[in-house]
Amino acid sequence: MQYALYYYDSCPFCQRVLMAMQSLNVNVEKRNVMKNPEFRQQQIDATKRTTVPCLLIKDGDHEEWMFESGDIVRYLKSVA
């Protein structure tokens, strides 16, 4: 499984996920949508949304996009 978190620094909900990630043993690529417009466009193309945080869960060719900081934290804890 591969994980990527779409976020930006000043978002308090993103900070909630980033803080939780510090104590978890899960490799999550961080994709700052404000610093890299390509990341923002990837998210828009796949989900039609710009809402962050957004976790991309990739398993081979299958992709799942998860929104909501609480759901993301719970999910990451479950796979840690």
PDB file of N, CA and C in Angstrom:
ATOM      1  N   MET A   1       0.833  -1.181   0.000  1.00  0.00           N
ATOM      2  CA  MET A   1       0.000   0.000   0.000  1.00  0.00           C
ATOM      3  C   MET A   1       0.875   1.240   0.000  1.00  0.00           C
ATOM      4  N   GLN A   2       0.439   2.225  -0.734  1.00  0.00           N
ATOM      5  CA  GLN A   2       1.120   3.518  -0.761  1.00  0.00           C
ATOM      6  C   GLN A   2       0.130   4.577  -0.305  1.00  0.00           C
ATOM      7  N   TYR A   3       0.658   5.543   0.446  1.00  0.00           N
ATOM      8  CA  TYR A   3      -0.181   6.599   0.983  1.00  0.00           C
ATOM      9  C   TYR A   3       0.413   7.955   0.648  1.00  0.00           C
ATOM     10  N   ALA A   4      -0.469   8.928   0.350  1.00  0.00           N
ATOM     11  CA  ALA A   4      -0.046  10.306   0.124  1.00  0.00           C
ATOM     12  C   ALA A   4      -1.090  11.218   0.750  1.00  0.00           C
ATOM     13  N   LEU A   5      -0.610  12.180   1.548  1.00  0.00           N
ATOM     14  CA  LEU A   5      -1.492  13.137   2.185  1.00  0.00           C
ATOM     15  C   LEU A   5      -1.420  14.456   1.441  1.00  0.00           C
ATOM     16  N   TYR A   6      -2.556  14.898   0.938  1.00  0.00           N
ATOM     17  CA  TYR A   6      -2.670  16.204   0.293  1.00  0.00           C
ATOM     18  C   TYR A   6      -3.086  17.186   1.384  1.00  0.00           C
ATOM     19  N   TYR A   7      -2.319  18.254   1.552  1.00  0.00           N
ATOM     20  CA  TYR A   7      -2.505  19.150   2.689  1.00  0.00           C
ATOM     21  C   TYR A   7      -1.905  20.517   2.376  1.00  0.00           C
ATOM     22  N   TYR A   8      -2.091  21.464   3.306  1.00  0.00           N
ATOM     23  CA  TYR A   8      -1.290  22.682   3.329  1.00  0.00           C
ATOM     24  C   TYR A   8      -1.074  23.085   4.784  1.00  0.00           C
ATOM     25  N   ASP A   9       0.007  23.803   5.020  1.00  0.00           N
ATOM     26  CA  ASP A   9       0.491  24.050   6.378  1.00  0.00           C
ATOM     27  C   ASP A   9      -0.473  24.810   7.282  1.00  0.00           C
ATOM     28  N   SER A  10      -1.201  25.788   6.771  1.00  0.00           N
ATOM     29  CA  SER A  10      -2.029  26.622   7.646  1.00  0.00           C
ATOM     30  C   SER A  10      -3.418  26.037   7.920  1.00  0.00           C
ATOM     31  N   CYS A  11      -3.694  24.873   7.410  1.00  0.00           N
ATOM     32  CA  CYS A  11      -4.984  24.214   7.633  1.00  0.00           C
ATOM     33  C   CYS A  11      -4.968  23.482   8.984  1.00  0.00           C
ATOM     34  N   PRO A  12      -5.833  23.871   9.937  1.00  0.00           N
ATOM     35  CA  PRO A  12      -5.819  23.213  11.252  1.00  0.00           C
ATOM     36  C   PRO A  12      -6.191  21.730  11.184  1.00  0.00           C
ATOM     37  N   PHE A  13      -7.043  21.351  10.263  1.00  0.00           N
ATOM     38  CA  PHE A  13      -7.420  19.938  10.137  1.00  0.00           C
ATOM     39  C   PHE A  13      -6.258  19.120   9.583  1.00  0.00           C
ATOM     40  N   CYS A  14      -5.477  19.734   8.696  1.00  0.00           N
ATOM     41  CA  CYS A  14      -4.269  19.086   8.183  1.00  0.00           C
ATOM     42  C   CYS A  14      -3.259  18.915   9.311  1.00  0.00           C
ATOM     43  N   GLN A  15      -3.134  19.936  10.155  1.00  0.00           N
ATOM     44  CA  GLN A  15      -2.197  19.858  11.274  1.00  0.00           C
ATOM     45  C   GLN A  15      -2.573  18.721  12.222  1.00  0.00           C
ATOM     46  N   ARG A  16      -3.848  18.491  12.396  1.00  0.00           N
ATOM     47  CA  ARG A  16      -4.308  17.377  13.234  1.00  0.00           C
ATOM     48  C   ARG A  16      -3.774  16.042  12.692  1.00  0.00           C
ATOM     49  N   VAL A  17      -3.872  15.862  11.387  1.00  0.00           N
ATOM     50  CA  VAL A  17      -3.390  14.625  10.762  1.00  0.00           C
ATOM     51  C   VAL A  17      -1.863  14.552  10.835  1.00  0.00           C
ATOM     52  N   LEU A  18      -1.194  15.655  10.539  1.00  0.00           N
ATOM     53  CA  LEU A  18       0.271  15.669  10.568  1.00  0.00           C
ATOM     54  C   LEU A  18       0.800  15.356  11.964  1.00  0.00           C
ATOM     55  N   MET A  19       0.153  15.887  13.001  1.00  0.00           N
ATOM     56  CA  MET A  19       0.576  15.605  14.384  1.00  0.00           C
ATOM     57  C   MET A  19       0.413  14.118  14.699  1.00  0.00           C
ATOM     58  N   ALA A  20      -0.698  13.551  14.299  1.00  0.00           N
ATOM     59  CA  ALA A  20      -0.942  12.131  14.550  1.00  0.00           C
ATOM     60  C   ALA A  20       0.066  11.263  13.811  1.00  0.00           C
ATOM     61  N   MET A  21       0.437  11.680  12.611  1.00  0.00           N
ATOM     62  CA  MET A  21       1.376  10.890  11.800  1.00  0.00           C
ATOM     63  C   MET A  21       2.744  10.781  12.466  1.00  0.00           C
ATOM     64  N   GLN A  22       3.112  11.758  13.276  1.00  0.00           N
ATOM     65  CA  GLN A  22       4.428  11.747  13.920  1.00  0.00           C
ATOM     66  C   GLN A  22       4.607  10.543  14.833  1.00  0.00           C
ATOM     67  N   SER A  23       3.524  10.054  15.422  1.00  0.00           N
ATOM     68  CA  SER A  23       3.641   8.934  16.355  1.00  0.00           C
ATOM     69  C   SER A  23       3.284   7.591  15.721  1.00  0.00           C
ATOM     70  N   LEU A  24       2.995   7.592  14.441  1.00  0.00           N
ATOM     71  CA  LEU A  24       2.610   6.353  13.763  1.00  0.00           C
ATOM     72  C   LEU A  24       3.730   5.865  12.860  1.00  0.00           C
ATOM     73  N   ASN A  25       3.842   4.571  12.762  1.00  0.00           N
ATOM     74  CA  ASN A  25       4.865   3.970  11.912  1.00  0.00           C
ATOM     75  C   ASN A  25       4.256   3.626  10.550  1.00  0.00           C
ATOM     76  N   VAL A  26       3.806   4.674   9.844  1.00  0.00           N
ATOM     77  CA  VAL A  26       3.218   4.507   8.519  1.00  0.00           C
ATOM     78  C   VAL A  26       3.920   5.486   7.589  1.00  0.00           C
ATOM     79  N   ASN A  27       4.392   4.985   6.465  1.00  0.00           N
ATOM     80  CA  ASN A  27       5.080   5.836   5.503  1.00  0.00           C
ATOM     81  C   ASN A  27       4.037   6.545   4.629  1.00  0.00           C
ATOM     82  N   VAL A  28       3.908   7.848   4.849  1.00  0.00           N
ATOM     83  CA  VAL A  28       2.935   8.659   4.110  1.00  0.00           C
ATOM     84  C   VAL A  28       3.685   9.793   3.420  1.00  0.00           C
ATOM     85  N   GLU A  29       3.594   9.838   2.114  1.00  0.00           N
ATOM     86  CA  GLU A  29       4.192  10.945   1.364  1.00  0.00           C
ATOM     87  C   GLU A  29       3.349  12.194   1.595  1.00  0.00           C
ATOM     88  N   LYS A  30       3.995  13.300   1.894  1.00  0.00           N
ATOM     89  CA  LYS A  30       3.277  14.561   2.112  1.00  0.00           C
ATOM     90  C   LYS A  30       3.299  15.379   0.829  1.00  0.00           C
ATOM     91  N   ARG A  31       2.112  15.795   0.377  1.00  0.00           N
ATOM     92  CA  ARG A  31       1.976  16.559  -0.861  1.00  0.00           C
ATOM     93  C   ARG A  31       1.279  17.886  -0.559  1.00  0.00           C
ATOM     94  N   ASN A  32       2.081  18.929  -0.423  1.00  0.00           N
ATOM     95  CA  ASN A  32       1.573  20.256  -0.089  1.00  0.00           C
ATOM     96  C   ASN A  32       0.969  20.896  -1.344  1.00  0.00           C
ATOM     97  N   VAL A  33      -0.340  21.080  -1.320  1.00  0.00           N
ATOM     98  CA  VAL A  33      -1.040  21.585  -2.502  1.00  0.00           C
ATOM     99  C   VAL A  33      -0.832  23.077  -2.735  1.00  0.00           C
ATOM    100  N   MET A  34      -0.363  23.794  -1.730  1.00  0.00           N
ATOM    101  CA  MET A  34      -0.100  25.224  -1.900  1.00  0.00           C
ATOM    102  C   MET A  34       1.292  25.470  -2.484  1.00  0.00           C
ATOM    103  N   LYS A  35       2.218  24.589  -2.177  1.00  0.00           N
ATOM    104  CA  LYS A  35       3.587  24.741  -2.681  1.00  0.00           C
ATOM    105  C   LYS A  35       3.781  24.096  -4.040  1.00  0.00           C
ATOM    106  N   ASN A  36       2.928  23.133  -4.382  1.00  0.00           N
ATOM    107  CA  ASN A  36       3.065  22.425  -5.652  1.00  0.00           C
ATOM    108  C   ASN A  36       1.698  22.325  -6.336  1.00  0.00           C
ATOM    109  N   PRO A  37       1.455  23.182  -7.329  1.00  0.00           N
ATOM    110  CA  PRO A  37       0.154  23.169  -8.007  1.00  0.00           C
ATOM    111  C   PRO A  37      -0.164  21.844  -8.704  1.00  0.00           C
ATOM    112  N   GLU A  38       0.852  21.068  -9.035  1.00  0.00           N
ATOM    113  CA  GLU A  38       0.603  19.760  -9.655  1.00  0.00           C
ATOM    114  C   GLU A  38      -0.152  18.843  -8.695  1.00  0.00           C
ATOM    115  N   PHE A  39       0.199  18.894  -7.413  1.00  0.00           N
ATOM    116  CA  PHE A  39      -0.503  18.072  -6.426  1.00  0.00           C
ATOM    117  C   PHE A  39      -1.970  18.482  -6.332  1.00  0.00           C
ATOM    118  N   ARG A  40      -2.216  19.780  -6.314  1.00  0.00           N
ATOM    119  CA  ARG A  40      -3.594  20.279  -6.259  1.00  0.00           C
ATOM    120  C   ARG A  40      -4.377  19.787  -7.477  1.00  0.00           C
ATOM    121  N   GLN A  41      -3.769  19.846  -8.638  1.00  0.00           N
ATOM    122  CA  GLN A  41      -4.445  19.421  -9.859  1.00  0.00           C
ATOM    123  C   GLN A  41      -4.693  17.917  -9.863  1.00  0.00           C
ATOM    124  N   GLN A  42      -3.751  17.129  -9.342  1.00  0.00           N
ATOM    125  CA  GLN A  42      -3.952  15.680  -9.240  1.00  0.00           C
ATOM    126  C   GLN A  42      -5.200  15.380  -8.418  1.00  0.00           C
ATOM    127  N   GLN A  43      -5.327  16.068  -7.297  1.00  0.00           N
ATOM    128  CA  GLN A  43      -6.474  15.845  -6.416  1.00  0.00           C
ATOM    129  C   GLN A  43      -7.778  16.263  -7.110  1.00  0.00           C
ATOM    130  N   ILE A  44      -7.775  17.401  -7.771  1.00  0.00           N
ATOM    131  CA  ILE A  44      -8.971  17.872  -8.475  1.00  0.00           C
ATOM    132  C   ILE A  44      -9.366  16.895  -9.583  1.00  0.00           C
ATOM    133  N   ASP A  45      -8.390  16.456 -10.346  1.00  0.00           N
ATOM    134  CA  ASP A  45      -8.673  15.521 -11.450  1.00  0.00           C
ATOM    135  C   ASP A  45      -9.287  14.222 -10.931  1.00  0.00           C
ATOM    136  N   ALA A  46      -8.799  13.746  -9.791  1.00  0.00           N
ATOM    137  CA  ALA A  46      -9.261  12.455  -9.271  1.00  0.00           C
ATOM    138  C   ALA A  46     -10.558  12.555  -8.483  1.00  0.00           C
ATOM    139  N   THR A  47     -10.761  13.670  -7.762  1.00  0.00           N
ATOM    140  CA  THR A  47     -11.901  13.748  -6.839  1.00  0.00           C
ATOM    141  C   THR A  47     -12.898  14.852  -7.163  1.00  0.00           C
ATOM    142  N   LYS A  48     -12.507  15.777  -8.027  1.00  0.00           N
ATOM    143  CA  LYS A  48     -13.324  16.961  -8.335  1.00  0.00           C
ATOM    144  C   LYS A  48     -13.477  17.873  -7.116  1.00  0.00           C
ATOM    145  N   ARG A  49     -12.596  17.708  -6.123  1.00  0.00           N
ATOM    146  CA  ARG A  49     -12.645  18.503  -4.896  1.00  0.00           C
ATOM    147  C   ARG A  49     -11.261  19.071  -4.585  1.00  0.00           C
ATOM    148  N   THR A  50     -11.255  20.176  -3.834  1.00  0.00           N
ATOM    149  CA  THR A  50      -9.996  20.775  -3.388  1.00  0.00           C
ATOM    150  C   THR A  50      -9.839  20.673  -1.872  1.00  0.00           C
ATOM    151  N   THR A  51     -10.770  20.011  -1.218  1.00  0.00           N
ATOM    152  CA  THR A  51     -10.778  19.909   0.238  1.00  0.00           C
ATOM    153  C   THR A  51      -9.552  19.161   0.742  1.00  0.00           C
ATOM    154  N   VAL A  52      -8.906  19.724   1.759  1.00  0.00           N
ATOM    155  CA  VAL A  52      -7.810  19.056   2.445  1.00  0.00           C
ATOM    156  C   VAL A  52      -8.133  19.010   3.931  1.00  0.00           C
ATOM    157  N   PRO A  53      -7.580  18.059   4.669  1.00  0.00           N
ATOM    158  CA  PRO A  53      -6.675  17.026   4.207  1.00  0.00           C
ATOM    159  C   PRO A  53      -7.402  15.959   3.392  1.00  0.00           C
ATOM    160  N   CYS A  54      -6.622  15.327   2.557  1.00  0.00           N
ATOM    161  CA  CYS A  54      -7.136  14.252   1.726  1.00  0.00           C
ATOM    162  C   CYS A  54      -6.041  13.190   1.625  1.00  0.00           C
ATOM    163  N   LEU A  55      -6.390  11.970   1.974  1.00  0.00           N
ATOM    164  CA  LEU A  55      -5.424  10.873   1.935  1.00  0.00           C
ATOM    165  C   LEU A  55      -5.687  10.013   0.709  1.00  0.00           C
ATOM    166  N   LEU A  56      -4.658   9.845  -0.095  1.00  0.00           N
ATOM    167  CA  LEU A  56      -4.712   8.921  -1.224  1.00  0.00           C
ATOM    168  C   LEU A  56      -4.188   7.576  -0.746  1.00  0.00           C
ATOM    169  N   ILE A  57      -5.002   6.560  -0.915  1.00  0.00           N
ATOM    170  CA  ILE A  57      -4.634   5.192  -0.559  1.00  0.00           C
ATOM    171  C   ILE A  57      -4.539   4.428  -1.870  1.00  0.00           C
ATOM    172  N   LYS A  58      -3.355   3.957  -2.177  1.00  0.00           N
ATOM    173  CA  LYS A  58      -3.130   3.299  -3.462  1.00  0.00           C
ATOM    174  C   LYS A  58      -2.685   1.860  -3.224  1.00  0.00           C
ATOM    175  N   ASP A  59      -3.380   0.945  -3.847  1.00  0.00           N
ATOM    176  CA  ASP A  59      -3.068  -0.484  -3.764  1.00  0.00           C
ATOM    177  C   ASP A  59      -3.014  -1.000  -5.195  1.00  0.00           C
ATOM    178  N   GLY A  60      -1.806  -1.016  -5.753  1.00  0.00           N
ATOM    179  CA  GLY A  60      -1.659  -1.391  -7.152  1.00  0.00           C
ATOM    180  C   GLY A  60      -2.329  -0.354  -8.031  1.00  0.00           C
ATOM    181  N   ASP A  61      -3.302  -0.797  -8.840  1.00  0.00           N
ATOM    182  CA  ASP A  61      -4.026   0.109  -9.724  1.00  0.00           C
ATOM    183  C   ASP A  61      -5.258   0.728  -9.060  1.00  0.00           C
ATOM    184  N   HIS A  62      -5.616   0.229  -7.884  1.00  0.00           N
ATOM    185  CA  HIS A  62      -6.808   0.735  -7.184  1.00  0.00           C
ATOM    186  C   HIS A  62      -6.440   1.950  -6.332  1.00  0.00           C
ATOM    187  N   GLU A  63      -7.225   3.030  -6.459  1.00  0.00           N
ATOM    188  CA  GLU A  63      -7.031   4.232  -5.670  1.00  0.00           C
ATOM    189  C   GLU A  63      -8.287   4.543  -4.878  1.00  0.00           C
ATOM    190  N   GLU A  64      -8.094   4.939  -3.634  1.00  0.00           N
ATOM    191  CA  GLU A  64      -9.190   5.416  -2.795  1.00  0.00           C
ATOM    192  C   GLU A  64      -8.763   6.746  -2.204  1.00  0.00           C
ATOM    193  N   TRP A  65      -9.655   7.705  -2.183  1.00  0.00           N
ATOM    194  CA  TRP A  65      -9.383   9.044  -1.653  1.00  0.00           C
ATOM    195  C   TRP A  65     -10.237   9.236  -0.413  1.00  0.00           C
ATOM    196  N   MET A  66      -9.592   9.575   0.695  1.00  0.00           N
ATOM    197  CA  MET A  66     -10.290   9.730   1.965  1.00  0.00           C
ATOM    198  C   MET A  66     -10.181  11.175   2.448  1.00  0.00           C
ATOM    199  N   PHE A  67     -11.323  11.763   2.776  1.00  0.00           N
ATOM    200  CA  PHE A  67     -11.385  13.112   3.325  1.00  0.00           C
ATOM    201  C   PHE A  67     -11.720  13.014   4.815  1.00  0.00           C
ATOM    202  N   GLU A  68     -11.721  14.132   5.495  1.00  0.00           N
ATOM    203  CA  GLU A  68     -12.057  14.255   6.915  1.00  0.00           C
ATOM    204  C   GLU A  68     -10.884  13.811   7.795  1.00  0.00           C
ATOM    205  N   SER A  69     -10.369  14.755   8.555  1.00  0.00           N
ATOM    206  CA  SER A  69      -9.176  14.508   9.373  1.00  0.00           C
ATOM    207  C   SER A  69      -9.375  13.368  10.369  1.00  0.00           C
ATOM    208  N   GLY A  70     -10.533  13.310  11.017  1.00  0.00           N
ATOM    209  CA  GLY A  70     -10.783  12.237  11.978  1.00  0.00           C
ATOM    210  C   GLY A  70     -10.765  10.866  11.330  1.00  0.00           C
ATOM    211  N   ASP A  71     -11.363  10.751  10.162  1.00  0.00           N
ATOM    212  CA  ASP A  71     -11.372   9.481   9.431  1.00  0.00           C
ATOM    213  C   ASP A  71      -9.951   9.091   9.014  1.00  0.00           C
ATOM    214  N   ILE A  72      -9.177  10.079   8.569  1.00  0.00           N
ATOM    215  CA  ILE A  72      -7.800   9.806   8.137  1.00  0.00           C
ATOM    216  C   ILE A  72      -6.957   9.331   9.313  1.00  0.00           C
ATOM    217  N   VAL A  73      -7.070  10.011  10.455  1.00  0.00           N
ATOM    218  CA  VAL A  73      -6.292   9.614  11.637  1.00  0.00           C
ATOM    219  C   VAL A  73      -6.681   8.201  12.071  1.00  0.00           C
ATOM    220  N   ARG A  74      -7.984   7.918  12.130  1.00  0.00           N
ATOM    221  CA  ARG A  74      -8.427   6.570  12.520  1.00  0.00           C
ATOM    222  C   ARG A  74      -7.898   5.513  11.553  1.00  0.00           C
ATOM    223  N   TYR A  75      -7.963   5.808  10.280  1.00  0.00           N
ATOM    224  CA  TYR A  75      -7.478   4.849   9.286  1.00  0.00           C
ATOM    225  C   TYR A  75      -5.980   4.591   9.449  1.00  0.00           C
ATOM    226  N   LEU A  76      -5.196   5.656   9.574  1.00  0.00           N
ATOM    227  CA  LEU A  76      -3.741   5.493   9.713  1.00  0.00           C
ATOM    228  C   LEU A  76      -3.389   4.734  10.983  1.00  0.00           C
ATOM    229  N   LYS A  77      -4.111   4.984  12.046  1.00  0.00           N
ATOM    230  CA  LYS A  77      -3.874   4.219  13.289  1.00  0.00           C
ATOM    231  C   LYS A  77      -4.177   2.744  13.082  1.00  0.00           C
ATOM    232  N   SER A  78      -5.169   2.445  12.280  1.00  0.00           N
ATOM    233  CA  SER A  78      -5.562   1.044  12.063  1.00  0.00           C
ATOM    234  C   SER A  78      -4.546   0.271  11.220  1.00  0.00           C
ATOM    235  N   VAL A  79      -3.768   0.982  10.404  1.00  0.00           N
ATOM    236  CA  VAL A  79      -2.780   0.297   9.551  1.00  0.00           C
ATOM    237  C   VAL A  79      -1.361   0.415  10.102  1.00  0.00           C
ATOM    238  N   ALA A  80      -1.207   1.160  11.197  1.00  0.00           N
ATOM    239  CA  ALA A  80       0.133   1.359  11.785  1.00  0.00           C
ATOM    240  C   ALA A  80       0.621   0.100  12.458  1.00  0.00           C
TER     241      ALA A  80
END
